[in-house]
Every structure is written in C-alpha cells, then in structure tokens.
Amino acid sequence: MEPDLHELLRSLRVWDPETTDLPAFDPAAAPAAPLPLFTRWFAEAAAAGQAEPHTMSLATADADGLPDVRIVTLHGADDGGWSFATHAHSRKGGHLAARPYAALAFYWPVLGRQVRVRGPVRTAPAEEAQADLHARSTGALAAALTGTQSGPLGSPEELTRASEAAWERARREPDAPAPSWTLYRLRADEVEFFQGEARRRHVRLRYRRSGAGWVRESLWP
C-alpha cells in the first residue's frame, strides 16, 4: 500500500527541539553589510553540525521567463559576489546566458535559519574558472570532463564508459582543462536573513543595495 502523503505531512514537525536550536537574533546589532553576517551564520551552521551547509538552491529563468531551480554548491562569497560553477552549455548556463540574473537560497534547519540572495550574475575570467576547478577533488574534475551536461543520454552504459574515461584522465592529468567549465558570480542587490522563533515571531532582516552602501529593514514574518 502506498503511503498517505497528507497524513505523513501532518505527522512531521518543523524545528524539533531535539535537533534544532533557535538562537536569538537582534537585527539592530547586525553589521552594516550582509557579507559579514552571512559568513558568521555560515560558520555557526557548520559548527552546529548542519549537513552540507554549503549547498544552496539556485533559481534561474529561461529565455521565456519560465523559472527553474536546483541544488548547487557555493564556491565562495566575497566582495565580488556569491560564486558557483557549471558548464556554460548546461541548462542553467543557458538560462544565465539568456537572462543573467539569479536567486540563491540557503536553508540551515539545525538553527532554523535561511538566507536568500538575488542579483545580476556575471562570469569570472576563464583562468579563474579553471583554477577553481583544479583546486577541487579528482571526482569534481572527472565530473566536469564527463559528457555534455544536461544533454540527452543514450544509455547508462554510455555514461559508465564516459565516466570511467574521465576518471582515468583526471587522475593522469590533474590539470586537464574543461573549457566549458564556467565560474559565475552573483552580485547581490538584495540579501534577506530569516531566523525562526518558537512562537512563530520569526525575525527577517533584508539588506537592499543603495548606491555604494546598503539599506537595512526588518520585515513582517
């Protein structure tokens, strides 16, 4: 018998006290810019045992404006923006070529926190993309050398053959180039921090870029 989805959903808890701590968050004490607060929250999520805190949802839109979303890995965050990477010929790469604007979402349930980022996206120089790729694992390089991301796959055997060849090359040539591998940087126009609260008085703080600085404002939950 198939499970009853609605019954299962009603049985689940959000922010179970046995696994989640909801720290206090005072927006008045937040820094003037979002990056220091993001860095602090990221470090606190990792220290609290959040699994894969560096994974994030990446939302893009195609040439017709239709949205899409997937999970990717954060490669860095600095004054240049929040960075992630993919092949230029991938689906998300095509979206960003047509509409160079995106949104990111981080969710760290161990602390009842999420961070949302959105803004224009640009590509980093090719040499930076290759350096970023080669600083990662052999598996990451092998994946980048395997097939045509997002293209039709003829059979599982085709993937196995391509993957084995890519792994062999990645081990043999740790600096092998992947020309289509592209590093993207999202320069935030808006960053929102959400802190859950046990009585549902959630705290939301939004930063909006204004000229060379930022405007901070609290939002209703």
C-alpha atoms as a PDB file:
ATOM      1  CA  MET A   1       0.000   0.000   0.000  1.00  0.00           C
ATOM      2  CA  GLU A   2       1.300   3.442  -0.900  1.00  0.00           C
ATOM      3  CA  PRO A   3       1.828   5.895   1.976  1.00  0.00           C
ATOM      4  CA  ASP A   4      -0.749   8.613   2.567  1.00  0.00           C
ATOM      5  CA  LEU A   5       1.184  11.759   1.708  1.00  0.00           C
ATOM      6  CA  HIS A   6      -1.129  14.168   3.533  1.00  0.00           C
ATOM      7  CA  GLU A   7      -1.131  12.066   6.694  1.00  0.00           C
ATOM      8  CA  LEU A   8       2.645  11.834   6.561  1.00  0.00           C
ATOM      9  CA  LEU A   9       2.979  15.594   6.110  1.00  0.00           C
ATOM     10  CA  ARG A  10       0.753  16.298   9.122  1.00  0.00           C
ATOM     11  CA  SER A  11       2.878  13.981  11.267  1.00  0.00           C
ATOM     12  CA  LEU A  12       6.132  15.816  10.609  1.00  0.00           C
ATOM     13  CA  ARG A  13       7.487  18.535  12.861  1.00  0.00           C
ATOM     14  CA  VAL A  14       9.383  21.665  11.924  1.00  0.00           C
ATOM     15  CA  TRP A  15      12.368  22.556  14.107  1.00  0.00           C
ATOM     16  CA  ASP A  16      12.083  19.676  16.560  1.00  0.00           C
ATOM     17  CA  PRO A  17      13.701  20.875  19.835  1.00  0.00           C
ATOM     18  CA  GLU A  18      15.662  17.624  19.991  1.00  0.00           C
ATOM     19  CA  THR A  19      17.566  18.517  16.828  1.00  0.00           C
ATOM     20  CA  THR A  20      17.100  22.273  16.393  1.00  0.00           C
ATOM     21  CA  ASP A  21      18.268  25.261  18.405  1.00  0.00           C
ATOM     22  CA  LEU A  22      16.646  28.614  17.639  1.00  0.00           C
ATOM     23  CA  PRO A  23      19.113  31.314  18.698  1.00  0.00           C
ATOM     24  CA  ALA A  24      18.002  34.881  19.298  1.00  0.00           C
ATOM     25  CA  PHE A  25      18.692  37.355  16.507  1.00  0.00           C
ATOM     26  CA  ASP A  26      18.704  41.107  17.061  1.00  0.00           C
ATOM     27  CA  PRO A  27      18.595  42.962  13.717  1.00  0.00           C
ATOM     28  CA  ALA A  28      19.701  46.165  15.437  1.00  0.00           C
ATOM     29  CA  ALA A  29      23.047  44.526  16.182  1.00  0.00           C
ATOM     30  CA  ALA A  30      23.572  43.282  12.608  1.00  0.00           C
ATOM     31  CA  PRO A  31      26.525  44.641  10.617  1.00  0.00           C
ATOM     32  CA  ALA A  32      26.115  47.364   8.028  1.00  0.00           C
ATOM     33  CA  ALA A  33      26.673  44.958   5.103  1.00  0.00           C
ATOM     34  CA  PRO A  34      25.321  41.431   4.554  1.00  0.00           C
ATOM     35  CA  LEU A  35      28.541  39.521   3.819  1.00  0.00           C
ATOM     36  CA  PRO A  36      29.939  39.567   7.399  1.00  0.00           C
ATOM     37  CA  LEU A  37      26.590  38.342   8.751  1.00  0.00           C
ATOM     38  CA  PHE A  38      26.389  35.634   6.089  1.00  0.00           C
ATOM     39  CA  THR A  39      29.922  34.476   6.947  1.00  0.00           C
ATOM     40  CA  ARG A  40      29.058  34.360  10.660  1.00  0.00           C
ATOM     41  CA  TRP A  41      25.823  32.433  10.096  1.00  0.00           C
ATOM     42  CA  PHE A  42      27.551  30.021   7.718  1.00  0.00           C
ATOM     43  CA  ALA A  43      30.268  29.291  10.292  1.00  0.00           C
ATOM     44  CA  GLU A  44      27.660  28.841  13.034  1.00  0.00           C
ATOM     45  CA  ALA A  45      25.661  26.415  10.885  1.00  0.00           C
ATOM     46  CA  ALA A  46      28.785  24.340  10.218  1.00  0.00           C
ATOM     47  CA  ALA A  47      29.748  24.386  13.906  1.00  0.00           C
ATOM     48  CA  ALA A  48      26.205  23.297  14.865  1.00  0.00           C
ATOM     49  CA  GLY A  49      26.547  20.183  12.719  1.00  0.00           C
ATOM     50  CA  GLN A  50      24.426  21.253   9.759  1.00  0.00           C
ATOM     51  CA  ALA A  51      24.987  18.730   6.963  1.00  0.00           C
ATOM     52  CA  GLU A  52      26.376  20.288   3.783  1.00  0.00           C
ATOM     53  CA  PRO A  53      25.818  23.924   4.769  1.00  0.00           C
ATOM     54  CA  HIS A  54      27.495  24.990   1.522  1.00  0.00           C
ATOM     55  CA  THR A  55      24.688  23.605  -0.651  1.00  0.00           C
ATOM     56  CA  MET A  56      22.104  26.077  -1.890  1.00  0.00           C
ATOM     57  CA  SER A  57      19.134  26.357  -4.203  1.00  0.00           C
ATOM     58  CA  LEU A  58      19.886  28.244  -7.410  1.00  0.00           C
ATOM     59  CA  ALA A  59      16.887  29.709  -9.246  1.00  0.00           C
ATOM     60  CA  THR A  60      17.148  30.898 -12.841  1.00  0.00           C
ATOM     61  CA  ALA A  61      14.722  31.659 -15.666  1.00  0.00           C
ATOM     62  CA  ASP A  62      14.845  30.651 -19.314  1.00  0.00           C
ATOM     63  CA  ALA A  63      14.540  32.945 -22.332  1.00  0.00           C
ATOM     64  CA  ASP A  64      10.745  32.897 -21.956  1.00  0.00           C
ATOM     65  CA  GLY A  65      10.899  33.836 -18.284  1.00  0.00           C
ATOM     66  CA  LEU A  66       9.912  30.388 -17.024  1.00  0.00           C
ATOM     67  CA  PRO A  67      11.602  29.607 -13.675  1.00  0.00           C
ATOM     68  CA  ASP A  68      13.769  26.646 -12.771  1.00  0.00           C
ATOM     69  CA  VAL A  69      15.611  25.661  -9.606  1.00  0.00           C
ATOM     70  CA  ARG A  70      18.212  23.106  -8.490  1.00  0.00           C
ATOM     71  CA  ILE A  71      20.727  22.478  -5.705  1.00  0.00           C
ATOM     72  CA  VAL A  72      24.339  23.530  -6.302  1.00  0.00           C
ATOM     73  CA  THR A  73      27.440  24.141  -4.205  1.00  0.00           C
ATOM     74  CA  LEU A  74      28.691  27.514  -3.028  1.00  0.00           C
ATOM     75  CA  HIS A  75      32.270  28.033  -4.220  1.00  0.00           C
ATOM     76  CA  GLY A  76      32.916  31.278  -2.383  1.00  0.00           C
ATOM     77  CA  ALA A  77      31.499  34.591  -1.211  1.00  0.00           C
ATOM     78  CA  ASP A  78      33.391  37.869  -1.132  1.00  0.00           C
ATOM     79  CA  ASP A  79      33.086  41.456  -2.280  1.00  0.00           C
ATOM     80  CA  GLY A  80      32.825  40.139  -5.851  1.00  0.00           C
ATOM     81  CA  GLY A  81      29.706  38.149  -5.056  1.00  0.00           C
ATOM     82  CA  TRP A  82      28.463  34.648  -4.259  1.00  0.00           C
ATOM     83  CA  SER A  83      30.163  32.126  -6.568  1.00  0.00           C
ATOM     84  CA  PHE A  84      29.059  28.846  -8.116  1.00  0.00           C
ATOM     85  CA  ALA A  85      30.138  26.905 -11.207  1.00  0.00           C
ATOM     86  CA  THR A  86      28.730  24.812 -14.030  1.00  0.00           C
ATOM     87  CA  HIS A  87      29.243  24.154 -17.722  1.00  0.00           C
ATOM     88  CA  ALA A  88      28.280  27.023 -19.994  1.00  0.00           C
ATOM     89  CA  HIS A  89      26.290  24.565 -22.128  1.00  0.00           C
ATOM     90  CA  SER A  90      24.277  23.206 -19.180  1.00  0.00           C
ATOM     91  CA  ARG A  91      20.636  24.137 -18.728  1.00  0.00           C
ATOM     92  CA  LYS A  92      21.404  26.689 -16.029  1.00  0.00           C
ATOM     93  CA  GLY A  93      24.310  28.002 -18.095  1.00  0.00           C
ATOM     94  CA  GLY A  94      21.915  28.575 -20.981  1.00  0.00           C
ATOM     95  CA  HIS A  95      19.460  30.319 -18.683  1.00  0.00           C
ATOM     96  CA  LEU A  96      22.148  32.638 -17.356  1.00  0.00           C
ATOM     97  CA  ALA A  97      23.330  33.458 -20.873  1.00  0.00           C
ATOM     98  CA  ALA A  98      19.787  34.491 -21.808  1.00  0.00           C
ATOM     99  CA  ARG A  99      18.883  36.130 -18.503  1.00  0.00           C
ATOM    100  CA  PRO A 100      21.951  36.891 -16.346  1.00  0.00           C
ATOM    101  CA  TYR A 101      20.041  37.228 -13.094  1.00  0.00           C
ATOM    102  CA  ALA A 102      19.507  34.602 -10.383  1.00  0.00           C
ATOM    103  CA  ALA A 103      18.459  33.925  -6.803  1.00  0.00           C
ATOM    104  CA  LEU A 104      20.056  31.725  -4.139  1.00  0.00           C
ATOM    105  CA  ALA A 105      18.552  30.201  -1.001  1.00  0.00           C
ATOM    106  CA  PHE A 106      20.402  28.576   1.897  1.00  0.00           C
ATOM    107  CA  TYR A 107      18.467  26.588   4.497  1.00  0.00           C
ATOM    108  CA  TRP A 108      20.079  25.547   7.785  1.00  0.00           C
ATOM    109  CA  PRO A 109      17.299  23.814   9.789  1.00  0.00           C
ATOM    110  CA  VAL A 110      19.623  22.925  12.668  1.00  0.00           C
ATOM    111  CA  LEU A 111      19.393  26.628  13.618  1.00  0.00           C
ATOM    112  CA  GLY A 112      16.066  27.461  11.974  1.00  0.00           C
ATOM    113  CA  ARG A 113      17.784  29.836   9.571  1.00  0.00           C
ATOM    114  CA  GLN A 114      17.655  30.650   5.911  1.00  0.00           C
ATOM    115  CA  VAL A 115      19.394  33.218   3.735  1.00  0.00           C
ATOM    116  CA  ARG A 116      18.091  34.439   0.381  1.00  0.00           C
ATOM    117  CA  VAL A 117      20.280  36.265  -2.138  1.00  0.00           C
ATOM    118  CA  ARG A 118      19.393  37.673  -5.541  1.00  0.00           C
ATOM    119  CA  GLY A 119      21.010  39.865  -8.134  1.00  0.00           C
ATOM    120  CA  PRO A 120      22.748  40.016 -11.520  1.00  0.00           C
ATOM    121  CA  VAL A 121      25.210  37.293 -12.492  1.00  0.00           C
ATOM    122  CA  ARG A 122      28.438  37.614 -14.435  1.00  0.00           C
ATOM    123  CA  THR A 123      31.103  35.123 -15.478  1.00  0.00           C
ATOM    124  CA  ALA A 124      34.576  35.132 -13.990  1.00  0.00           C
ATOM    125  CA  PRO A 125      37.640  35.057 -16.269  1.00  0.00           C
ATOM    126  CA  ALA A 126      38.304  31.607 -17.763  1.00  0.00           C
ATOM    127  CA  GLU A 127      41.586  31.220 -15.881  1.00  0.00           C
ATOM    128  CA  GLU A 128      39.775  31.731 -12.574  1.00  0.00           C
ATOM    129  CA  ALA A 129      37.213  29.085 -13.514  1.00  0.00           C
ATOM    130  CA  GLN A 130      39.936  26.552 -14.339  1.00  0.00           C
ATOM    131  CA  ALA A 131      41.844  27.360 -11.147  1.00  0.00           C
ATOM    132  CA  ASP A 132      38.646  26.892  -9.143  1.00  0.00           C
ATOM    133  CA  LEU A 133      38.014  23.525 -10.792  1.00  0.00           C
ATOM    134  CA  HIS A 134      41.560  22.260 -10.301  1.00  0.00           C
ATOM    135  CA  ALA A 135      41.523  23.257  -6.627  1.00  0.00           C
ATOM    136  CA  ARG A 136      38.666  20.784  -6.078  1.00  0.00           C
ATOM    137  CA  SER A 137      38.701  16.988  -5.882  1.00  0.00           C
ATOM    138  CA  THR A 138      39.635  14.462  -8.551  1.00  0.00           C
ATOM    139  CA  GLY A 139      35.968  13.494  -8.640  1.00  0.00           C
ATOM    140  CA  ALA A 140      34.939  17.077  -9.374  1.00  0.00           C
ATOM    141  CA  LEU A 141      37.358  17.230 -12.290  1.00  0.00           C
ATOM    142  CA  ALA A 142      36.199  13.846 -13.569  1.00  0.00           C
ATOM    143  CA  ALA A 143      32.588  15.008 -13.437  1.00  0.00           C
ATOM    144  CA  ALA A 144      33.493  18.155 -15.365  1.00  0.00           C
ATOM    145  CA  LEU A 145      35.211  16.045 -18.045  1.00  0.00           C
ATOM    146  CA  THR A 146      32.284  13.627 -18.432  1.00  0.00           C
ATOM    147  CA  GLY A 147      29.922  14.069 -21.352  1.00  0.00           C
ATOM    148  CA  THR A 148      27.714  17.049 -22.125  1.00  0.00           C
ATOM    149  CA  GLN A 149      25.886  18.194 -19.001  1.00  0.00           C
ATOM    150  CA  SER A 150      22.090  18.415 -19.462  1.00  0.00           C
ATOM    151  CA  GLY A 151      22.281  16.767 -22.900  1.00  0.00           C
ATOM    152  CA  PRO A 152      20.266  13.643 -23.766  1.00  0.00           C
ATOM    153  CA  LEU A 153      21.809  10.363 -22.525  1.00  0.00           C
ATOM    154  CA  GLY A 154      21.530   7.332 -24.765  1.00  0.00           C
ATOM    155  CA  SER A 155      22.023   4.658 -22.121  1.00  0.00           C
ATOM    156  CA  PRO A 156      23.515   4.018 -18.664  1.00  0.00           C
ATOM    157  CA  GLU A 157      26.362   2.151 -20.372  1.00  0.00           C
ATOM    158  CA  GLU A 158      27.259   5.282 -22.329  1.00  0.00           C
ATOM    159  CA  LEU A 159      27.550   7.222 -19.068  1.00  0.00           C
ATOM    160  CA  THR A 160      29.666   4.472 -17.481  1.00  0.00           C
ATOM    161  CA  ARG A 161      32.146   4.450 -20.365  1.00  0.00           C
ATOM    162  CA  ALA A 162      32.427   8.261 -20.433  1.00  0.00           C
ATOM    163  CA  SER A 163      32.774   8.474 -16.662  1.00  0.00           C
ATOM    164  CA  GLU A 164      35.489   5.815 -16.469  1.00  0.00           C
ATOM    165  CA  ALA A 165      37.448   7.562 -19.219  1.00  0.00           C
ATOM    166  CA  ALA A 166      37.044  10.914 -17.414  1.00  0.00           C
ATOM    167  CA  TRP A 167      38.218   9.468 -14.085  1.00  0.00           C
ATOM    168  CA  GLU A 168      41.271   7.957 -15.782  1.00  0.00           C
ATOM    169  CA  ARG A 169      42.134  11.270 -17.397  1.00  0.00           C
ATOM    170  CA  ALA A 170      41.540  13.245 -14.188  1.00  0.00           C
ATOM    171  CA  ARG A 171      43.985  11.008 -12.325  1.00  0.00           C
ATOM    172  CA  ARG A 172      46.524  11.138 -15.158  1.00  0.00           C
ATOM    173  CA  GLU A 173      46.145  14.881 -15.846  1.00  0.00           C
ATOM    174  CA  PRO A 174      45.103  16.702 -12.658  1.00  0.00           C
ATOM    175  CA  ASP A 175      45.346  19.995 -14.576  1.00  0.00           C
ATOM    176  CA  ALA A 176      43.298  18.801 -17.564  1.00  0.00           C
ATOM    177  CA  PRO A 177      41.244  21.715 -18.935  1.00  0.00           C
ATOM    178  CA  ALA A 178      37.466  21.672 -19.107  1.00  0.00           C
ATOM    179  CA  PRO A 179      36.909  24.608 -21.493  1.00  0.00           C
ATOM    180  CA  SER A 180      33.176  24.940 -20.899  1.00  0.00           C
ATOM    181  CA  TRP A 181      33.508  24.947 -17.107  1.00  0.00           C
ATOM    182  CA  THR A 182      32.382  28.408 -16.009  1.00  0.00           C
ATOM    183  CA  LEU A 183      32.588  30.217 -12.692  1.00  0.00           C
ATOM    184  CA  TYR A 184      29.658  32.542 -12.062  1.00  0.00           C
ATOM    185  CA  ARG A 185      29.409  35.355  -9.533  1.00  0.00           C
ATOM    186  CA  LEU A 186      26.113  36.717  -8.274  1.00  0.00           C
ATOM    187  CA  ARG A 187      26.458  40.344  -7.155  1.00  0.00           C
ATOM    188  CA  ALA A 188      23.683  40.740  -4.630  1.00  0.00           C
ATOM    189  CA  ASP A 189      21.134  43.504  -4.954  1.00  0.00           C
ATOM    190  CA  GLU A 190      19.197  42.047  -2.025  1.00  0.00           C
ATOM    191  CA  VAL A 191      20.050  39.664   0.830  1.00  0.00           C
ATOM    192  CA  GLU A 192      17.495  38.503   3.384  1.00  0.00           C
ATOM    193  CA  PHE A 193      18.242  36.743   6.678  1.00  0.00           C
ATOM    194  CA  PHE A 194      15.486  34.701   8.340  1.00  0.00           C
ATOM    195  CA  GLN A 195      15.692  33.445  11.924  1.00  0.00           C
ATOM    196  CA  GLY A 196      12.948  31.104  13.106  1.00  0.00           C
ATOM    197  CA  GLU A 197      11.342  31.692  16.502  1.00  0.00           C
ATOM    198  CA  ALA A 198       9.471  29.127  18.611  1.00  0.00           C
ATOM    199  CA  ARG A 199       6.282  31.234  18.867  1.00  0.00           C
ATOM    200  CA  ARG A 200       6.392  31.956  15.116  1.00  0.00           C
ATOM    201  CA  ARG A 201       7.602  35.515  15.689  1.00  0.00           C
ATOM    202  CA  HIS A 202      10.247  34.940  13.080  1.00  0.00           C
ATOM    203  CA  VAL A 203      12.866  37.616  12.526  1.00  0.00           C
ATOM    204  CA  ARG A 204      13.509  38.775   8.968  1.00  0.00           C
ATOM    205  CA  LEU A 205      16.189  41.288   8.067  1.00  0.00           C
ATOM    206  CA  ARG A 206      16.590  42.463   4.482  1.00  0.00           C
ATOM    207  CA  TYR A 207      19.577  44.290   3.039  1.00  0.00           C
ATOM    208  CA  ARG A 208      18.961  46.283  -0.165  1.00  0.00           C
ATOM    209  CA  ARG A 209      21.822  47.732  -2.147  1.00  0.00           C
ATOM    210  CA  SER A 210      21.672  51.522  -2.388  1.00  0.00           C
ATOM    211  CA  GLY A 211      24.478  53.212  -4.264  1.00  0.00           C
ATOM    212  CA  ALA A 212      27.754  52.157  -2.690  1.00  0.00           C
ATOM    213  CA  GLY A 213      26.088  51.005   0.547  1.00  0.00           C
ATOM    214  CA  TRP A 214      23.180  49.030   1.951  1.00  0.00           C
ATOM    215  CA  VAL A 215      19.793  49.811   3.436  1.00  0.00           C
ATOM    216  CA  ARG A 216      18.622  47.500   6.230  1.00  0.00           C
ATOM    217  CA  GLU A 217      14.981  46.895   7.022  1.00  0.00           C
ATOM    218  CA  SER A 218      13.016  44.452   9.146  1.00  0.00           C
ATOM    219  CA  LEU A 219      10.111  42.568   7.558  1.00  0.00           C
ATOM    220  CA  TRP A 220       6.944  41.034   8.919  1.00  0.00           C
ATOM    221  CA  PRO A 221       7.274  37.242   9.141  1.00  0.00           C
END
